[in-house]
């Protein structure tokens, strides 16, 4: 018998990253953890919107934050998501590596 809970967890991860801004946030965090202000500047979104996206990713267990004084530095902690994003954005990630 199939354990649907495993598939539900995988589907929840896919749902959490299935937004262009969240996908962009994850890609940026994979390149190096950063704080809300930096993400906001990169995306050109209001701080409250970025915080909502980060909260969604955090509640899904995809990212984690480490507090340093008033700043929280986020990073991607879910290996499944890292692998999915690498596949989804393979060409873009390869372009970034070539330009470094």
PDB file of N, CA and C in Angstrom:
ATOM      1  N   UNK A   1       0.833  -1.188   0.000  1.00  0.00           N
ATOM      2  CA  UNK A   1       0.000   0.000   0.000  1.00  0.00           C
ATOM      3  C   UNK A   1       0.885   1.262   0.000  1.00  0.00           C
ATOM      4  N   UNK A   2       0.474   2.240  -0.729  1.00  0.00           N
ATOM      5  CA  UNK A   2       1.220   3.497  -0.861  1.00  0.00           C
ATOM      6  C   UNK A   2       0.949   4.392   0.351  1.00  0.00           C
ATOM      7  N   UNK A   3       2.019   4.957   0.898  1.00  0.00           N
ATOM      8  CA  UNK A   3       1.889   5.908   2.000  1.00  0.00           C
ATOM      9  C   UNK A   3       1.731   7.306   1.401  1.00  0.00           C
ATOM     10  N   UNK A   4       0.491   7.772   1.326  1.00  0.00           N
ATOM     11  CA  UNK A   4       0.215   9.068   0.699  1.00  0.00           C
ATOM     12  C   UNK A   4       0.806  10.245   1.459  1.00  0.00           C
ATOM     13  N   UNK A   5       1.124  10.068   2.728  1.00  0.00           N
ATOM     14  CA  UNK A   5       1.703  11.173   3.502  1.00  0.00           C
ATOM     15  C   UNK A   5       3.050  11.610   2.925  1.00  0.00           C
ATOM     16  N   UNK A   6       3.800  10.652   2.400  1.00  0.00           N
ATOM     17  CA  UNK A   6       5.073  10.987   1.770  1.00  0.00           C
ATOM     18  C   UNK A   6       4.827  11.884   0.563  1.00  0.00           C
ATOM     19  N   UNK A   7       3.846  11.525  -0.236  1.00  0.00           N
ATOM     20  CA  UNK A   7       3.525  12.320  -1.433  1.00  0.00           C
ATOM     21  C   UNK A   7       2.929  13.674  -1.058  1.00  0.00           C
ATOM     22  N   UNK A   8       2.166  13.707   0.010  1.00  0.00           N
ATOM     23  CA  UNK A   8       1.603  14.980   0.467  1.00  0.00           C
ATOM     24  C   UNK A   8       2.708  15.943   0.877  1.00  0.00           C
ATOM     25  N   UNK A   9       3.725  15.435   1.584  1.00  0.00           N
ATOM     26  CA  UNK A   9       4.844  16.290   1.996  1.00  0.00           C
ATOM     27  C   UNK A   9       5.601  16.827   0.782  1.00  0.00           C
ATOM     28  N   UNK A  10       5.835  15.963  -0.195  1.00  0.00           N
ATOM     29  CA  UNK A  10       6.532  16.398  -1.417  1.00  0.00           C
ATOM     30  C   UNK A  10       5.689  17.434  -2.167  1.00  0.00           C
ATOM     31  N   UNK A  11       4.380  17.193  -2.249  1.00  0.00           N
ATOM     32  CA  UNK A  11       3.487  18.126  -2.945  1.00  0.00           C
ATOM     33  C   UNK A  11       3.450  19.474  -2.228  1.00  0.00           C
ATOM     34  N   UNK A  12       3.489  19.458  -0.896  1.00  0.00           N
ATOM     35  CA  UNK A  12       3.502  20.712  -0.138  1.00  0.00           C
ATOM     36  C   UNK A  12       4.765  21.522  -0.430  1.00  0.00           C
ATOM     37  N   UNK A  13       5.891  20.842  -0.579  1.00  0.00           N
ATOM     38  CA  UNK A  13       7.131  21.545  -0.921  1.00  0.00           C
ATOM     39  C   UNK A  13       7.020  22.178  -2.307  1.00  0.00           C
ATOM     40  N   UNK A  14       6.465  21.414  -3.229  1.00  0.00           N
ATOM     41  CA  UNK A  14       6.304  21.933  -4.594  1.00  0.00           C
ATOM     42  C   UNK A  14       5.375  23.141  -4.590  1.00  0.00           C
ATOM     43  N   UNK A  15       4.291  23.063  -3.826  1.00  0.00           N
ATOM     44  CA  UNK A  15       3.365  24.203  -3.733  1.00  0.00           C
ATOM     45  C   UNK A  15       4.062  25.429  -3.155  1.00  0.00           C
ATOM     46  N   UNK A  16       4.904  25.216  -2.156  1.00  0.00           N
ATOM     47  CA  UNK A  16       5.583  26.340  -1.501  1.00  0.00           C
ATOM     48  C   UNK A  16       6.550  27.058  -2.443  1.00  0.00           C
ATOM     49  N   UNK A  17       7.185  26.307  -3.358  1.00  0.00           N
ATOM     50  CA  UNK A  17       8.136  26.966  -4.266  1.00  0.00           C
ATOM     51  C   UNK A  17       7.490  27.385  -5.578  1.00  0.00           C
ATOM     52  N   UNK A  18       6.212  27.062  -5.755  1.00  0.00           N
ATOM     53  CA  UNK A  18       5.528  27.309  -7.030  1.00  0.00           C
ATOM     54  C   UNK A  18       5.025  28.742  -7.150  1.00  0.00           C
ATOM     55  N   UNK A  19       5.855  29.680  -6.818  1.00  0.00           N
ATOM     56  CA  UNK A  19       5.546  31.101  -6.996  1.00  0.00           C
ATOM     57  C   UNK A  19       6.827  31.748  -7.512  1.00  0.00           C
ATOM     58  N   UNK A  20       6.749  32.574  -8.534  1.00  0.00           N
ATOM     59  CA  UNK A  20       7.964  33.144  -9.123  1.00  0.00           C
ATOM     60  C   UNK A  20       8.864  33.863  -8.120  1.00  0.00           C
ATOM     61  N   UNK A  21       8.283  34.632  -7.206  1.00  0.00           N
ATOM     62  CA  UNK A  21       9.105  35.352  -6.234  1.00  0.00           C
ATOM     63  C   UNK A  21       9.769  34.402  -5.250  1.00  0.00           C
ATOM     64  N   UNK A  22       9.041  33.383  -4.802  1.00  0.00           N
ATOM     65  CA  UNK A  22       9.633  32.428  -3.865  1.00  0.00           C
ATOM     66  C   UNK A  22      10.727  31.611  -4.549  1.00  0.00           C
ATOM     67  N   UNK A  23      10.515  31.265  -5.789  1.00  0.00           N
ATOM     68  CA  UNK A  23      11.539  30.538  -6.543  1.00  0.00           C
ATOM     69  C   UNK A  23      12.793  31.402  -6.681  1.00  0.00           C
ATOM     70  N   UNK A  24      12.603  32.665  -6.943  1.00  0.00           N
ATOM     71  CA  UNK A  24      13.721  33.602  -7.059  1.00  0.00           C
ATOM     72  C   UNK A  24      14.433  33.773  -5.706  1.00  0.00           C
ATOM     73  N   UNK A  25      13.669  33.842  -4.637  1.00  0.00           N
ATOM     74  CA  UNK A  25      14.255  33.945  -3.296  1.00  0.00           C
ATOM     75  C   UNK A  25      15.104  32.721  -3.007  1.00  0.00           C
ATOM     76  N   UNK A  26      14.579  31.542  -3.307  1.00  0.00           N
ATOM     77  CA  UNK A  26      15.323  30.310  -3.051  1.00  0.00           C
ATOM     78  C   UNK A  26      16.619  30.288  -3.847  1.00  0.00           C
ATOM     79  N   UNK A  27      16.540  30.645  -5.128  1.00  0.00           N
ATOM     80  CA  UNK A  27      17.746  30.671  -5.962  1.00  0.00           C
ATOM     81  C   UNK A  27      18.779  31.626  -5.375  1.00  0.00           C
ATOM     82  N   UNK A  28      18.326  32.791  -4.965  1.00  0.00           N
ATOM     83  CA  UNK A  28      19.238  33.764  -4.365  1.00  0.00           C
ATOM     84  C   UNK A  28      19.858  33.262  -3.075  1.00  0.00           C
ATOM     85  N   UNK A  29      19.063  32.593  -2.263  1.00  0.00           N
ATOM     86  CA  UNK A  29      19.585  32.064  -1.011  1.00  0.00           C
ATOM     87  C   UNK A  29      20.555  30.907  -1.247  1.00  0.00           C
ATOM     88  N   UNK A  30      20.339  30.155  -2.306  1.00  0.00           N
ATOM     89  CA  UNK A  30      21.266  29.068  -2.638  1.00  0.00           C
ATOM     90  C   UNK A  30      22.632  29.623  -3.038  1.00  0.00           C
ATOM     91  N   UNK A  31      22.642  30.816  -3.560  1.00  0.00           N
ATOM     92  CA  UNK A  31      23.899  31.452  -3.956  1.00  0.00           C
ATOM     93  C   UNK A  31      24.610  32.056  -2.754  1.00  0.00           C
ATOM     94  N   UNK A  32      23.915  32.171  -1.648  1.00  0.00           N
ATOM     95  CA  UNK A  32      24.482  32.725  -0.416  1.00  0.00           C
ATOM     96  C   UNK A  32      23.380  33.316   0.430  1.00  0.00           C
ATOM     97  N   UNK A  33      23.309  32.934   1.689  1.00  0.00           N
ATOM     98  CA  UNK A  33      22.255  33.426   2.576  1.00  0.00           C
ATOM     99  C   UNK A  33      22.264  34.938   2.660  1.00  0.00           C
ATOM    100  N   UNK A  34      21.099  35.499   2.882  1.00  0.00           N
ATOM    101  CA  UNK A  34      21.022  36.947   3.015  1.00  0.00           C
ATOM    102  C   UNK A  34      19.781  37.342   3.809  1.00  0.00           C
ATOM    103  N   UNK A  35      19.678  38.628   4.099  1.00  0.00           N
ATOM    104  CA  UNK A  35      18.582  39.112   4.927  1.00  0.00           C
ATOM    105  C   UNK A  35      17.431  39.674   4.088  1.00  0.00           C
ATOM    106  N   UNK A  36      16.364  40.056   4.771  1.00  0.00           N
ATOM    107  CA  UNK A  36      15.149  40.542   4.112  1.00  0.00           C
ATOM    108  C   UNK A  36      15.428  41.787   3.280  1.00  0.00           C
ATOM    109  N   UNK A  37      16.231  42.695   3.799  1.00  0.00           N
ATOM    110  CA  UNK A  37      16.507  43.941   3.081  1.00  0.00           C
ATOM    111  C   UNK A  37      17.179  43.665   1.742  1.00  0.00           C
ATOM    112  N   UNK A  38      18.146  42.772   1.737  1.00  0.00           N
ATOM    113  CA  UNK A  38      18.845  42.451   0.474  1.00  0.00           C
ATOM    114  C   UNK A  38      17.902  41.783  -0.516  1.00  0.00           C
ATOM    115  N   UNK A  39      17.078  40.861  -0.027  1.00  0.00           N
ATOM    116  CA  UNK A  39      16.110  40.194  -0.896  1.00  0.00           C
ATOM    117  C   UNK A  39      15.128  41.217  -1.457  1.00  0.00           C
ATOM    118  N   UNK A  40      14.674  42.111  -0.610  1.00  0.00           N
ATOM    119  CA  UNK A  40      13.730  43.154  -1.018  1.00  0.00           C
ATOM    120  C   UNK A  40      14.336  44.018  -2.119  1.00  0.00           C
ATOM    121  N   UNK A  41      15.586  44.404  -1.960  1.00  0.00           N
ATOM    122  CA  UNK A  41      16.247  45.230  -2.962  1.00  0.00           C
ATOM    123  C   UNK A  41      16.412  44.488  -4.289  1.00  0.00           C
ATOM    124  N   UNK A  42      16.747  43.201  -4.212  1.00  0.00           N
ATOM    125  CA  UNK A  42      16.934  42.405  -5.431  1.00  0.00           C
ATOM    126  C   UNK A  42      15.624  42.224  -6.194  1.00  0.00           C
ATOM    127  N   UNK A  43      14.527  42.014  -5.472  1.00  0.00           N
ATOM    128  CA  UNK A  43      13.242  41.747  -6.112  1.00  0.00           C
ATOM    129  C   UNK A  43      12.429  43.000  -6.379  1.00  0.00           C
ATOM    130  N   UNK A  44      12.747  44.088  -5.693  1.00  0.00           N
ATOM    131  CA  UNK A  44      11.968  45.310  -5.852  1.00  0.00           C
ATOM    132  C   UNK A  44      10.566  45.184  -5.273  1.00  0.00           C
ATOM    133  N   UNK A  45      10.441  44.417  -4.199  1.00  0.00           N
ATOM    134  CA  UNK A  45       9.142  44.204  -3.547  1.00  0.00           C
ATOM    135  C   UNK A  45       9.123  44.891  -2.193  1.00  0.00           C
ATOM    136  N   UNK A  46       7.940  45.211  -1.689  1.00  0.00           N
ATOM    137  CA  UNK A  46       7.851  45.762  -0.335  1.00  0.00           C
ATOM    138  C   UNK A  46       8.361  44.749   0.692  1.00  0.00           C
ATOM    139  N   UNK A  47       8.903  45.259   1.790  1.00  0.00           N
ATOM    140  CA  UNK A  47       9.449  44.403   2.837  1.00  0.00           C
ATOM    141  C   UNK A  47       8.393  43.446   3.374  1.00  0.00           C
ATOM    142  N   UNK A  48       7.167  43.915   3.509  1.00  0.00           N
ATOM    143  CA  UNK A  48       6.101  43.058   4.037  1.00  0.00           C
ATOM    144  C   UNK A  48       5.812  41.873   3.116  1.00  0.00           C
ATOM    145  N   UNK A  49       5.889  42.099   1.813  1.00  0.00           N
ATOM    146  CA  UNK A  49       5.659  41.022   0.841  1.00  0.00           C
ATOM    147  C   UNK A  49       6.780  39.989   0.916  1.00  0.00           C
ATOM    148  N   UNK A  50       8.016  40.463   0.996  1.00  0.00           N
ATOM    149  CA  UNK A  50       9.159  39.556   1.111  1.00  0.00           C
ATOM    150  C   UNK A  50       9.034  38.739   2.399  1.00  0.00           C
ATOM    151  N   UNK A  51       8.657  39.385   3.483  1.00  0.00           N
ATOM    152  CA  UNK A  51       8.495  38.692   4.760  1.00  0.00           C
ATOM    153  C   UNK A  51       7.427  37.609   4.679  1.00  0.00           C
ATOM    154  N   UNK A  52       6.344  37.879   3.960  1.00  0.00           N
ATOM    155  CA  UNK A  52       5.289  36.869   3.792  1.00  0.00           C
ATOM    156  C   UNK A  52       5.806  35.665   3.006  1.00  0.00           C
ATOM    157  N   UNK A  53       6.572  35.918   1.956  1.00  0.00           N
ATOM    158  CA  UNK A  53       7.142  34.813   1.180  1.00  0.00           C
ATOM    159  C   UNK A  53       8.125  34.003   2.035  1.00  0.00           C
ATOM    160  N   UNK A  54       8.960  34.701   2.805  1.00  0.00           N
ATOM    161  CA  UNK A  54       9.901  34.009   3.673  1.00  0.00           C
ATOM    162  C   UNK A  54       9.175  33.177   4.731  1.00  0.00           C
ATOM    163  N   UNK A  55       8.092  33.717   5.266  1.00  0.00           N
ATOM    164  CA  UNK A  55       7.313  32.975   6.266  1.00  0.00           C
ATOM    165  C   UNK A  55       6.740  31.692   5.671  1.00  0.00           C
ATOM    166  N   UNK A  56       6.262  31.769   4.443  1.00  0.00           N
ATOM    167  CA  UNK A  56       5.722  30.586   3.761  1.00  0.00           C
ATOM    168  C   UNK A  56       6.816  29.534   3.573  1.00  0.00           C
ATOM    169  N   UNK A  57       7.986  29.967   3.129  1.00  0.00           N
ATOM    170  CA  UNK A  57       9.099  29.048   2.916  1.00  0.00           C
ATOM    171  C   UNK A  57       9.598  28.464   4.233  1.00  0.00           C
ATOM    172  N   UNK A  58       9.621  29.284   5.269  1.00  0.00           N
ATOM    173  CA  UNK A  58      10.074  28.825   6.579  1.00  0.00           C
ATOM    174  C   UNK A  58       9.094  27.813   7.169  1.00  0.00           C
ATOM    175  N   UNK A  59       7.802  28.092   7.052  1.00  0.00           N
ATOM    176  CA  UNK A  59       6.806  27.167   7.610  1.00  0.00           C
ATOM    177  C   UNK A  59       6.794  25.832   6.873  1.00  0.00           C
ATOM    178  N   UNK A  60       7.240  25.825   5.620  1.00  0.00           N
ATOM    179  CA  UNK A  60       7.337  24.585   4.855  1.00  0.00           C
ATOM    180  C   UNK A  60       8.644  23.844   5.149  1.00  0.00           C
ATOM    181  N   UNK A  61       9.514  24.441   5.973  1.00  0.00           N
ATOM    182  CA  UNK A  61      10.779  23.805   6.320  1.00  0.00           C
ATOM    183  C   UNK A  61      11.829  23.900   5.234  1.00  0.00           C
ATOM    184  N   UNK A  62      11.637  24.829   4.301  1.00  0.00           N
ATOM    185  CA  UNK A  62      12.551  24.964   3.170  1.00  0.00           C
ATOM    186  C   UNK A  62      13.733  25.861   3.513  1.00  0.00           C
ATOM    187  N   UNK A  63      13.492  26.892   4.307  1.00  0.00           N
ATOM    188  CA  UNK A  63      14.565  27.797   4.710  1.00  0.00           C
ATOM    189  C   UNK A  63      14.631  27.871   6.231  1.00  0.00           C
ATOM    190  N   UNK A  64      15.760  28.367   6.713  1.00  0.00           N
ATOM    191  CA  UNK A  64      15.943  28.631   8.135  1.00  0.00           C
ATOM    192  C   UNK A  64      16.697  29.947   8.254  1.00  0.00           C
ATOM    193  N   UNK A  65      16.488  30.609   9.362  1.00  0.00           N
ATOM    194  CA  UNK A  65      17.156  31.877   9.590  1.00  0.00           C
ATOM    195  C   UNK A  65      17.975  31.847  10.862  1.00  0.00           C
ATOM    196  N   UNK A  66      19.106  32.544  10.819  1.00  0.00           N
ATOM    197  CA  UNK A  66      19.964  32.681  11.985  1.00  0.00           C
ATOM    198  C   UNK A  66      20.022  34.153  12.340  1.00  0.00           C
ATOM    199  N   UNK A  67      19.657  34.471  13.571  1.00  0.00           N
ATOM    200  CA  UNK A  67      19.647  35.860  14.025  1.00  0.00           C
ATOM    201  C   UNK A  67      21.058  36.299  14.388  1.00  0.00           C
ATOM    202  N   UNK A  68      21.409  37.498  13.908  1.00  0.00           N
ATOM    203  CA  UNK A  68      22.680  38.136  14.245  1.00  0.00           C
ATOM    204  C   UNK A  68      22.344  39.575  14.626  1.00  0.00           C
ATOM    205  N   UNK A  69      22.116  39.817  15.901  1.00  0.00           N
ATOM    206  CA  UNK A  69      21.665  41.134  16.347  1.00  0.00           C
ATOM    207  C   UNK A  69      20.245  41.376  15.866  1.00  0.00           C
ATOM    208  N   UNK A  70      20.038  42.446  15.116  1.00  0.00           N
ATOM    209  CA  UNK A  70      18.719  42.770  14.586  1.00  0.00           C
ATOM    210  C   UNK A  70      18.444  42.099  13.244  1.00  0.00           C
ATOM    211  N   UNK A  71      19.460  41.505  12.666  1.00  0.00           N
ATOM    212  CA  UNK A  71      19.365  40.931  11.330  1.00  0.00           C
ATOM    213  C   UNK A  71      19.179  39.412  11.397  1.00  0.00           C
ATOM    214  N   UNK A  72      18.382  38.891  10.473  1.00  0.00           N
ATOM    215  CA  UNK A  72      18.249  37.446  10.328  1.00  0.00           C
ATOM    216  C   UNK A  72      18.770  37.085   8.950  1.00  0.00           C
ATOM    217  N   UNK A  73      19.732  36.167   8.919  1.00  0.00           N
ATOM    218  CA  UNK A  73      20.290  35.704   7.651  1.00  0.00           C
ATOM    219  C   UNK A  73      19.646  34.361   7.330  1.00  0.00           C
ATOM    220  N   UNK A  74      19.014  34.276   6.151  1.00  0.00           N
ATOM    221  CA  UNK A  74      18.297  33.073   5.740  1.00  0.00           C
ATOM    222  C   UNK A  74      19.146  32.228   4.807  1.00  0.00           C
ATOM    223  N   UNK A  75      18.890  30.902   4.851  1.00  0.00           N
ATOM    224  CA  UNK A  75      19.537  29.981   3.924  1.00  0.00           C
ATOM    225  C   UNK A  75      18.590  28.816   3.655  1.00  0.00           C
ATOM    226  N   UNK A  76      18.789  28.149   2.532  1.00  0.00           N
ATOM    227  CA  UNK A  76      17.968  27.000   2.152  1.00  0.00           C
ATOM    228  C   UNK A  76      18.515  25.783   2.881  1.00  0.00           C
ATOM    229  N   UNK A  77      17.623  25.052   3.569  1.00  0.00           N
ATOM    230  CA  UNK A  77      18.044  23.893   4.357  1.00  0.00           C
ATOM    231  C   UNK A  77      17.463  22.578   3.846  1.00  0.00           C
ATOM    232  N   UNK A  78      16.576  22.640   2.884  1.00  0.00           N
ATOM    233  CA  UNK A  78      15.909  21.434   2.385  1.00  0.00           C
ATOM    234  C   UNK A  78      16.605  20.938   1.121  1.00  0.00           C
ATOM    235  N   UNK A  79      17.244  19.787   1.221  1.00  0.00           N
ATOM    236  CA  UNK A  79      18.000  19.238   0.089  1.00  0.00           C
ATOM    237  C   UNK A  79      17.106  18.888  -1.099  1.00  0.00           C
ATOM    238  N   UNK A  80      15.879  18.406  -0.838  1.00  0.00           N
ATOM    239  CA  UNK A  80      14.956  18.109  -1.939  1.00  0.00           C
ATOM    240  C   UNK A  80      14.688  19.362  -2.764  1.00  0.00           C
ATOM    241  N   UNK A  81      14.448  20.467  -2.074  1.00  0.00           N
ATOM    242  CA  UNK A  81      14.151  21.725  -2.763  1.00  0.00           C
ATOM    243  C   UNK A  81      15.380  22.223  -3.506  1.00  0.00           C
ATOM    244  N   UNK A  82      16.541  22.099  -2.902  1.00  0.00           N
ATOM    245  CA  UNK A  82      17.777  22.505  -3.583  1.00  0.00           C
ATOM    246  C   UNK A  82      17.914  21.736  -4.893  1.00  0.00           C
ATOM    247  N   UNK A  83      17.699  20.436  -4.839  1.00  0.00           N
ATOM    248  CA  UNK A  83      17.800  19.615  -6.044  1.00  0.00           C
ATOM    249  C   UNK A  83      16.738  19.980  -7.078  1.00  0.00           C
ATOM    250  N   UNK A  84      15.501  20.241  -6.623  1.00  0.00           N
ATOM    251  CA  UNK A  84      14.430  20.630  -7.553  1.00  0.00           C
ATOM    252  C   UNK A  84      14.759  21.941  -8.251  1.00  0.00           C
ATOM    253  N   UNK A  85      15.231  22.920  -7.479  1.00  0.00           N
ATOM    254  CA  UNK A  85      15.532  24.240  -8.045  1.00  0.00           C
ATOM    255  C   UNK A  85      16.721  24.144  -9.006  1.00  0.00           C
ATOM    256  N   UNK A  86      17.697  23.328  -8.674  1.00  0.00           N
ATOM    257  CA  UNK A  86      18.822  23.141  -9.589  1.00  0.00           C
ATOM    258  C   UNK A  86      18.340  22.583 -10.925  1.00  0.00           C
ATOM    259  N   UNK A  87      17.392  21.677 -10.883  1.00  0.00           N
ATOM    260  CA  UNK A  87      16.851  21.110 -12.126  1.00  0.00           C
ATOM    261  C   UNK A  87      16.011  22.148 -12.857  1.00  0.00           C
ATOM    262  N   UNK A  88      15.139  22.839 -12.128  1.00  0.00           N
ATOM    263  CA  UNK A  88      14.254  23.825 -12.755  1.00  0.00           C
ATOM    264  C   UNK A  88      15.022  24.990 -13.377  1.00  0.00           C
ATOM    265  N   UNK A  89      16.083  25.407 -12.719  1.00  0.00           N
ATOM    266  CA  UNK A  89      16.818  26.597 -13.155  1.00  0.00           C
ATOM    267  C   UNK A  89      18.221  26.246 -13.650  1.00  0.00           C
ATOM    268  N   UNK A  90      18.387  25.056 -14.162  1.00  0.00           N
ATOM    269  CA  UNK A  90      19.696  24.555 -14.578  1.00  0.00           C
ATOM    270  C   UNK A  90      20.427  25.532 -15.501  1.00  0.00           C
ATOM    271  N   UNK A  91      19.770  25.983 -16.541  1.00  0.00           N
ATOM    272  CA  UNK A  91      20.421  26.868 -17.507  1.00  0.00           C
ATOM    273  C   UNK A  91      20.806  28.197 -16.868  1.00  0.00           C
ATOM    274  N   UNK A  92      19.936  28.757 -16.050  1.00  0.00           N
ATOM    275  CA  UNK A  92      20.224  30.041 -15.411  1.00  0.00           C
ATOM    276  C   UNK A  92      21.383  29.906 -14.428  1.00  0.00           C
ATOM    277  N   UNK A  93      21.411  28.829 -13.660  1.00  0.00           N
ATOM    278  CA  UNK A  93      22.475  28.602 -12.695  1.00  0.00           C
ATOM    279  C   UNK A  93      23.805  28.395 -13.420  1.00  0.00           C
ATOM    280  N   UNK A  94      23.802  27.686 -14.528  1.00  0.00           N
ATOM    281  CA  UNK A  94      25.022  27.483 -15.305  1.00  0.00           C
ATOM    282  C   UNK A  94      25.536  28.811 -15.855  1.00  0.00           C
ATOM    283  N   UNK A  95      24.640  29.685 -16.288  1.00  0.00           N
ATOM    284  CA  UNK A  95      25.048  31.013 -16.784  1.00  0.00           C
ATOM    285  C   UNK A  95      25.713  31.824 -15.680  1.00  0.00           C
ATOM    286  N   UNK A  96      25.167  31.743 -14.472  1.00  0.00           N
ATOM    287  CA  UNK A  96      25.730  32.484 -13.343  1.00  0.00           C
ATOM    288  C   UNK A  96      27.137  31.984 -13.039  1.00  0.00           C
ATOM    289  N   UNK A  97      27.322  30.658 -13.034  1.00  0.00           N
ATOM    290  CA  UNK A  97      28.645  30.090 -12.752  1.00  0.00           C
ATOM    291  C   UNK A  97      29.652  30.504 -13.816  1.00  0.00           C
ATOM    292  N   UNK A  98      29.241  30.564 -15.074  1.00  0.00           N
ATOM    293  CA  UNK A  98      30.143  30.941 -16.159  1.00  0.00           C
ATOM    294  C   UNK A  98      30.564  32.400 -16.070  1.00  0.00           C
ATOM    295  N   UNK A  99      29.686  33.271 -15.568  1.00  0.00           N
ATOM    296  CA  UNK A  99      29.981  34.696 -15.492  1.00  0.00           C
ATOM    297  C   UNK A  99      30.756  35.097 -14.248  1.00  0.00           C
ATOM    298  N   UNK A 100      30.992  34.163 -13.333  1.00  0.00           N
ATOM    299  CA  UNK A 100      31.735  34.502 -12.099  1.00  0.00           C
ATOM    300  C   UNK A 100      33.216  34.551 -12.357  1.00  0.00           C
TER     301      UNK A 100
END
